[in-house]
Amino acid sequence: MSTIAMQKVMITVPPALLGQIDEAVTRLNTSRSALFRQAMEFFFAEQSRQELRELLKEGYLYRAEESRQMAQEFFIAEKEAWDRYAPWEE
């Protein structure tokens, strides 16, 4: 089993936040260090998800007109197929 080298950092937090941290540490039966690691991992994962969402949004907006035209063309083809092959009569 390999161990990961850890480095110490010092942070400053307001007393109210420290109280919340200590309550969470007690409730979760963990340490401050473990809680901060989890919080930072969550933060960076959320940042990555947000960046991906923004890239997807940009891509969708960039292709919006092309997608609209394609949908319109397929709608016409689908309507022709329904008109020709529908099992019911109007």
N, C-alpha and C. Protein backbone atom coordinates (compact mmCIF):
# COMPACT_ATOMS: atom_id res chain seq x y z
N MET A 1 0.83 -1.17 0.00
CA MET A 1 0.00 0.00 0.00
C MET A 1 0.89 1.24 0.00
N SER A 2 0.65 2.15 -0.97
CA SER A 2 1.47 3.35 -1.04
C SER A 2 0.80 4.49 -0.28
N THR A 3 1.63 5.35 0.24
CA THR A 3 1.11 6.50 0.95
C THR A 3 1.35 7.74 0.11
N ILE A 4 0.44 8.68 0.20
CA ILE A 4 0.55 9.93 -0.53
C ILE A 4 1.18 10.95 0.40
N ALA A 5 2.19 11.64 -0.09
CA ALA A 5 2.84 12.67 0.72
C ALA A 5 1.88 13.84 0.87
N MET A 6 1.70 14.28 2.08
CA MET A 6 0.81 15.40 2.37
C MET A 6 1.65 16.60 2.75
N GLN A 7 1.13 17.78 2.48
CA GLN A 7 1.77 19.02 2.90
C GLN A 7 0.80 19.80 3.76
N LYS A 8 1.34 20.46 4.74
CA LYS A 8 0.50 21.26 5.63
C LYS A 8 0.27 22.64 5.02
N VAL A 9 -0.92 23.14 5.23
CA VAL A 9 -1.25 24.52 4.84
C VAL A 9 -1.95 25.17 6.01
N MET A 10 -1.87 26.48 6.04
CA MET A 10 -2.56 27.21 7.11
C MET A 10 -3.62 28.06 6.43
N ILE A 11 -4.83 28.02 6.98
CA ILE A 11 -5.90 28.85 6.45
C ILE A 11 -6.51 29.65 7.59
N THR A 12 -7.17 30.71 7.23
CA THR A 12 -7.84 31.56 8.22
C THR A 12 -9.32 31.57 7.88
N VAL A 13 -10.15 31.30 8.89
CA VAL A 13 -11.60 31.30 8.70
C VAL A 13 -12.24 32.08 9.83
N PRO A 14 -13.41 32.66 9.56
CA PRO A 14 -14.12 33.36 10.63
C PRO A 14 -14.59 32.38 11.71
N PRO A 15 -14.75 32.87 12.92
CA PRO A 15 -15.16 31.98 14.02
C PRO A 15 -16.45 31.21 13.74
N ALA A 16 -17.43 31.85 13.12
CA ALA A 16 -18.70 31.16 12.85
C ALA A 16 -18.48 29.98 11.90
N LEU A 17 -17.65 30.18 10.89
CA LEU A 17 -17.37 29.09 9.96
C LEU A 17 -16.59 27.98 10.65
N LEU A 18 -15.65 28.33 11.49
CA LEU A 18 -14.91 27.31 12.24
C LEU A 18 -15.86 26.50 13.11
N GLY A 19 -16.84 27.15 13.69
CA GLY A 19 -17.83 26.43 14.49
C GLY A 19 -18.58 25.41 13.63
N GLN A 20 -18.97 25.82 12.42
CA GLN A 20 -19.67 24.89 11.53
C GLN A 20 -18.75 23.73 11.12
N ILE A 21 -17.49 24.06 10.87
CA ILE A 21 -16.52 23.02 10.51
C ILE A 21 -16.40 22.01 11.64
N ASP A 22 -16.24 22.49 12.85
CA ASP A 22 -16.08 21.58 13.99
C ASP A 22 -17.34 20.76 14.24
N GLU A 23 -18.51 21.34 14.03
CA GLU A 23 -19.75 20.57 14.15
C GLU A 23 -19.79 19.46 13.11
N ALA A 24 -19.40 19.78 11.89
CA ALA A 24 -19.39 18.78 10.82
C ALA A 24 -18.38 17.68 11.11
N VAL A 25 -17.22 18.07 11.60
CA VAL A 25 -16.17 17.10 11.95
C VAL A 25 -16.70 16.12 12.98
N THR A 26 -17.38 16.62 13.99
CA THR A 26 -17.94 15.76 15.04
C THR A 26 -19.04 14.87 14.47
N ARG A 27 -19.96 15.48 13.74
CA ARG A 27 -21.09 14.73 13.19
C ARG A 27 -20.63 13.65 12.21
N LEU A 28 -19.62 13.94 11.41
CA LEU A 28 -19.15 13.00 10.40
C LEU A 28 -18.03 12.08 10.91
N ASN A 29 -17.63 12.30 12.15
CA ASN A 29 -16.57 11.49 12.76
C ASN A 29 -15.32 11.47 11.88
N THR A 30 -14.85 12.67 11.56
CA THR A 30 -13.69 12.81 10.69
C THR A 30 -12.78 13.88 11.28
N SER A 31 -11.79 14.28 10.55
CA SER A 31 -10.88 15.33 11.01
C SER A 31 -11.08 16.59 10.17
N ARG A 32 -10.58 17.68 10.66
CA ARG A 32 -10.65 18.92 9.87
C ARG A 32 -9.93 18.73 8.54
N SER A 33 -8.78 18.11 8.59
CA SER A 33 -8.01 17.90 7.36
C SER A 33 -8.79 17.08 6.34
N ALA A 34 -9.40 16.00 6.81
CA ALA A 34 -10.19 15.16 5.89
C ALA A 34 -11.38 15.93 5.34
N LEU A 35 -12.02 16.74 6.19
CA LEU A 35 -13.16 17.53 5.74
C LEU A 35 -12.73 18.54 4.68
N PHE A 36 -11.62 19.22 4.91
CA PHE A 36 -11.13 20.18 3.92
C PHE A 36 -10.74 19.48 2.62
N ARG A 37 -10.10 18.32 2.70
CA ARG A 37 -9.75 17.57 1.48
C ARG A 37 -11.01 17.24 0.70
N GLN A 38 -12.02 16.72 1.39
CA GLN A 38 -13.27 16.37 0.72
C GLN A 38 -13.93 17.61 0.11
N ALA A 39 -13.93 18.70 0.85
CA ALA A 39 -14.53 19.94 0.34
C ALA A 39 -13.80 20.44 -0.90
N MET A 40 -12.48 20.38 -0.88
CA MET A 40 -11.71 20.85 -2.03
C MET A 40 -11.90 19.92 -3.24
N GLU A 41 -11.94 18.61 -2.99
CA GLU A 41 -12.19 17.66 -4.09
C GLU A 41 -13.57 17.91 -4.70
N PHE A 42 -14.56 18.15 -3.85
CA PHE A 42 -15.90 18.45 -4.34
C PHE A 42 -15.90 19.75 -5.13
N PHE A 43 -15.23 20.76 -4.61
CA PHE A 43 -15.17 22.06 -5.28
C PHE A 43 -14.56 21.92 -6.68
N PHE A 44 -13.43 21.23 -6.79
CA PHE A 44 -12.77 21.10 -8.08
C PHE A 44 -13.58 20.24 -9.05
N ALA A 45 -14.23 19.21 -8.55
CA ALA A 45 -15.09 18.39 -9.41
C ALA A 45 -16.27 19.23 -9.92
N GLU A 46 -16.85 20.05 -9.05
CA GLU A 46 -17.96 20.92 -9.45
C GLU A 46 -17.50 21.95 -10.47
N GLN A 47 -16.30 22.49 -10.28
CA GLN A 47 -15.75 23.44 -11.25
C GLN A 47 -15.60 22.78 -12.61
N SER A 48 -15.12 21.55 -12.64
CA SER A 48 -14.97 20.82 -13.90
C SER A 48 -16.32 20.60 -14.56
N ARG A 49 -17.33 20.22 -13.77
CA ARG A 49 -18.67 20.02 -14.32
C ARG A 49 -19.23 21.32 -14.88
N GLN A 50 -19.01 22.42 -14.18
CA GLN A 50 -19.49 23.72 -14.65
C GLN A 50 -18.81 24.12 -15.95
N GLU A 51 -17.51 23.90 -16.04
CA GLU A 51 -16.79 24.21 -17.27
C GLU A 51 -17.31 23.37 -18.43
N LEU A 52 -17.59 22.09 -18.18
CA LEU A 52 -18.13 21.23 -19.22
C LEU A 52 -19.51 21.72 -19.65
N ARG A 53 -20.35 22.10 -18.68
CA ARG A 53 -21.68 22.63 -19.02
C ARG A 53 -21.57 23.86 -19.92
N GLU A 54 -20.63 24.75 -19.59
CA GLU A 54 -20.44 25.96 -20.39
C GLU A 54 -19.98 25.61 -21.80
N LEU A 55 -19.06 24.66 -21.93
CA LEU A 55 -18.60 24.24 -23.26
C LEU A 55 -19.73 23.63 -24.06
N LEU A 56 -20.55 22.79 -23.42
CA LEU A 56 -21.69 22.19 -24.11
C LEU A 56 -22.68 23.26 -24.54
N LYS A 57 -22.93 24.22 -23.66
CA LYS A 57 -23.86 25.30 -24.00
C LYS A 57 -23.34 26.08 -25.20
N GLU A 58 -22.06 26.41 -25.20
CA GLU A 58 -21.47 27.13 -26.33
C GLU A 58 -21.63 26.32 -27.62
N GLY A 59 -21.38 25.02 -27.52
CA GLY A 59 -21.51 24.17 -28.71
C GLY A 59 -22.93 24.09 -29.21
N TYR A 60 -23.89 23.95 -28.29
CA TYR A 60 -25.30 23.90 -28.69
C TYR A 60 -25.72 25.22 -29.33
N LEU A 61 -25.31 26.33 -28.75
CA LEU A 61 -25.67 27.63 -29.31
C LEU A 61 -25.01 27.84 -30.67
N TYR A 62 -23.78 27.38 -30.81
CA TYR A 62 -23.06 27.52 -32.07
C TYR A 62 -23.77 26.75 -33.18
N ARG A 63 -24.32 25.58 -32.83
CA ARG A 63 -24.98 24.72 -33.82
C ARG A 63 -26.50 24.86 -33.84
N ALA A 64 -27.04 25.84 -33.14
CA ALA A 64 -28.50 25.95 -32.99
C ALA A 64 -29.20 26.10 -34.33
N GLU A 65 -28.73 26.99 -35.18
CA GLU A 65 -29.40 27.21 -36.47
C GLU A 65 -29.30 25.96 -37.34
N GLU A 66 -28.14 25.34 -37.36
CA GLU A 66 -27.97 24.11 -38.13
C GLU A 66 -28.91 23.01 -37.63
N SER A 67 -29.02 22.88 -36.32
CA SER A 67 -29.90 21.88 -35.73
C SER A 67 -31.37 22.18 -36.04
N ARG A 68 -31.74 23.46 -35.99
CA ARG A 68 -33.11 23.85 -36.31
C ARG A 68 -33.45 23.52 -37.76
N GLN A 69 -32.53 23.82 -38.67
CA GLN A 69 -32.76 23.52 -40.08
C GLN A 69 -32.88 22.02 -40.31
N MET A 70 -32.02 21.25 -39.66
CA MET A 70 -32.06 19.80 -39.82
C MET A 70 -33.38 19.24 -39.28
N ALA A 71 -33.80 19.73 -38.15
CA ALA A 71 -35.07 19.28 -37.57
C ALA A 71 -36.22 19.62 -38.50
N GLN A 72 -36.18 20.79 -39.09
CA GLN A 72 -37.24 21.20 -40.01
C GLN A 72 -37.26 20.29 -41.24
N GLU A 73 -36.09 19.96 -41.77
CA GLU A 73 -36.03 19.07 -42.93
C GLU A 73 -36.55 17.67 -42.58
N PHE A 74 -36.18 17.16 -41.43
CA PHE A 74 -36.66 15.84 -41.03
C PHE A 74 -38.16 15.87 -40.74
N PHE A 75 -38.66 17.00 -40.25
CA PHE A 75 -40.09 17.11 -40.00
C PHE A 75 -40.86 16.96 -41.31
N ILE A 76 -40.38 17.61 -42.35
CA ILE A 76 -41.04 17.51 -43.66
C ILE A 76 -41.01 16.07 -44.15
N ALA A 77 -39.86 15.41 -44.06
CA ALA A 77 -39.75 14.01 -44.50
C ALA A 77 -40.63 13.10 -43.66
N GLU A 78 -40.67 13.34 -42.36
CA GLU A 78 -41.49 12.52 -41.48
C GLU A 78 -42.98 12.73 -41.77
N LYS A 79 -43.37 13.96 -42.03
CA LYS A 79 -44.77 14.25 -42.36
C LYS A 79 -45.17 13.54 -43.64
N GLU A 80 -44.29 13.55 -44.65
CA GLU A 80 -44.58 12.84 -45.91
C GLU A 80 -44.75 11.34 -45.66
N ALA A 81 -43.88 10.78 -44.80
CA ALA A 81 -43.99 9.35 -44.49
C ALA A 81 -45.29 9.05 -43.77
N TRP A 82 -45.65 9.89 -42.80
CA TRP A 82 -46.91 9.68 -42.09
C TRP A 82 -48.10 9.79 -43.05
N ASP A 83 -48.07 10.79 -43.91
CA ASP A 83 -49.16 10.96 -44.86
C ASP A 83 -49.27 9.76 -45.80
N ARG A 84 -48.15 9.19 -46.16
CA ARG A 84 -48.16 8.08 -47.12
C ARG A 84 -48.48 6.74 -46.45
N TYR A 85 -47.94 6.50 -45.25
CA TYR A 85 -48.01 5.16 -44.66
C TYR A 85 -48.88 5.06 -43.41
N ALA A 86 -49.55 6.11 -43.02
CA ALA A 86 -50.39 6.06 -41.81
C ALA A 86 -51.49 5.04 -42.01
N PRO A 87 -51.76 4.22 -41.00
CA PRO A 87 -52.76 3.14 -41.15
C PRO A 87 -54.20 3.63 -41.03
N TRP A 88 -54.39 4.88 -40.77
CA TRP A 88 -55.75 5.40 -40.65
C TRP A 88 -56.00 6.45 -41.71
N GLU A 89 -57.23 6.70 -41.90
CA GLU A 89 -57.60 7.74 -42.87
C GLU A 89 -58.25 8.87 -42.11
N GLU A 90 -58.06 10.04 -42.63
CA GLU A 90 -58.66 11.20 -41.99
C GLU A 90 -60.01 11.50 -42.57
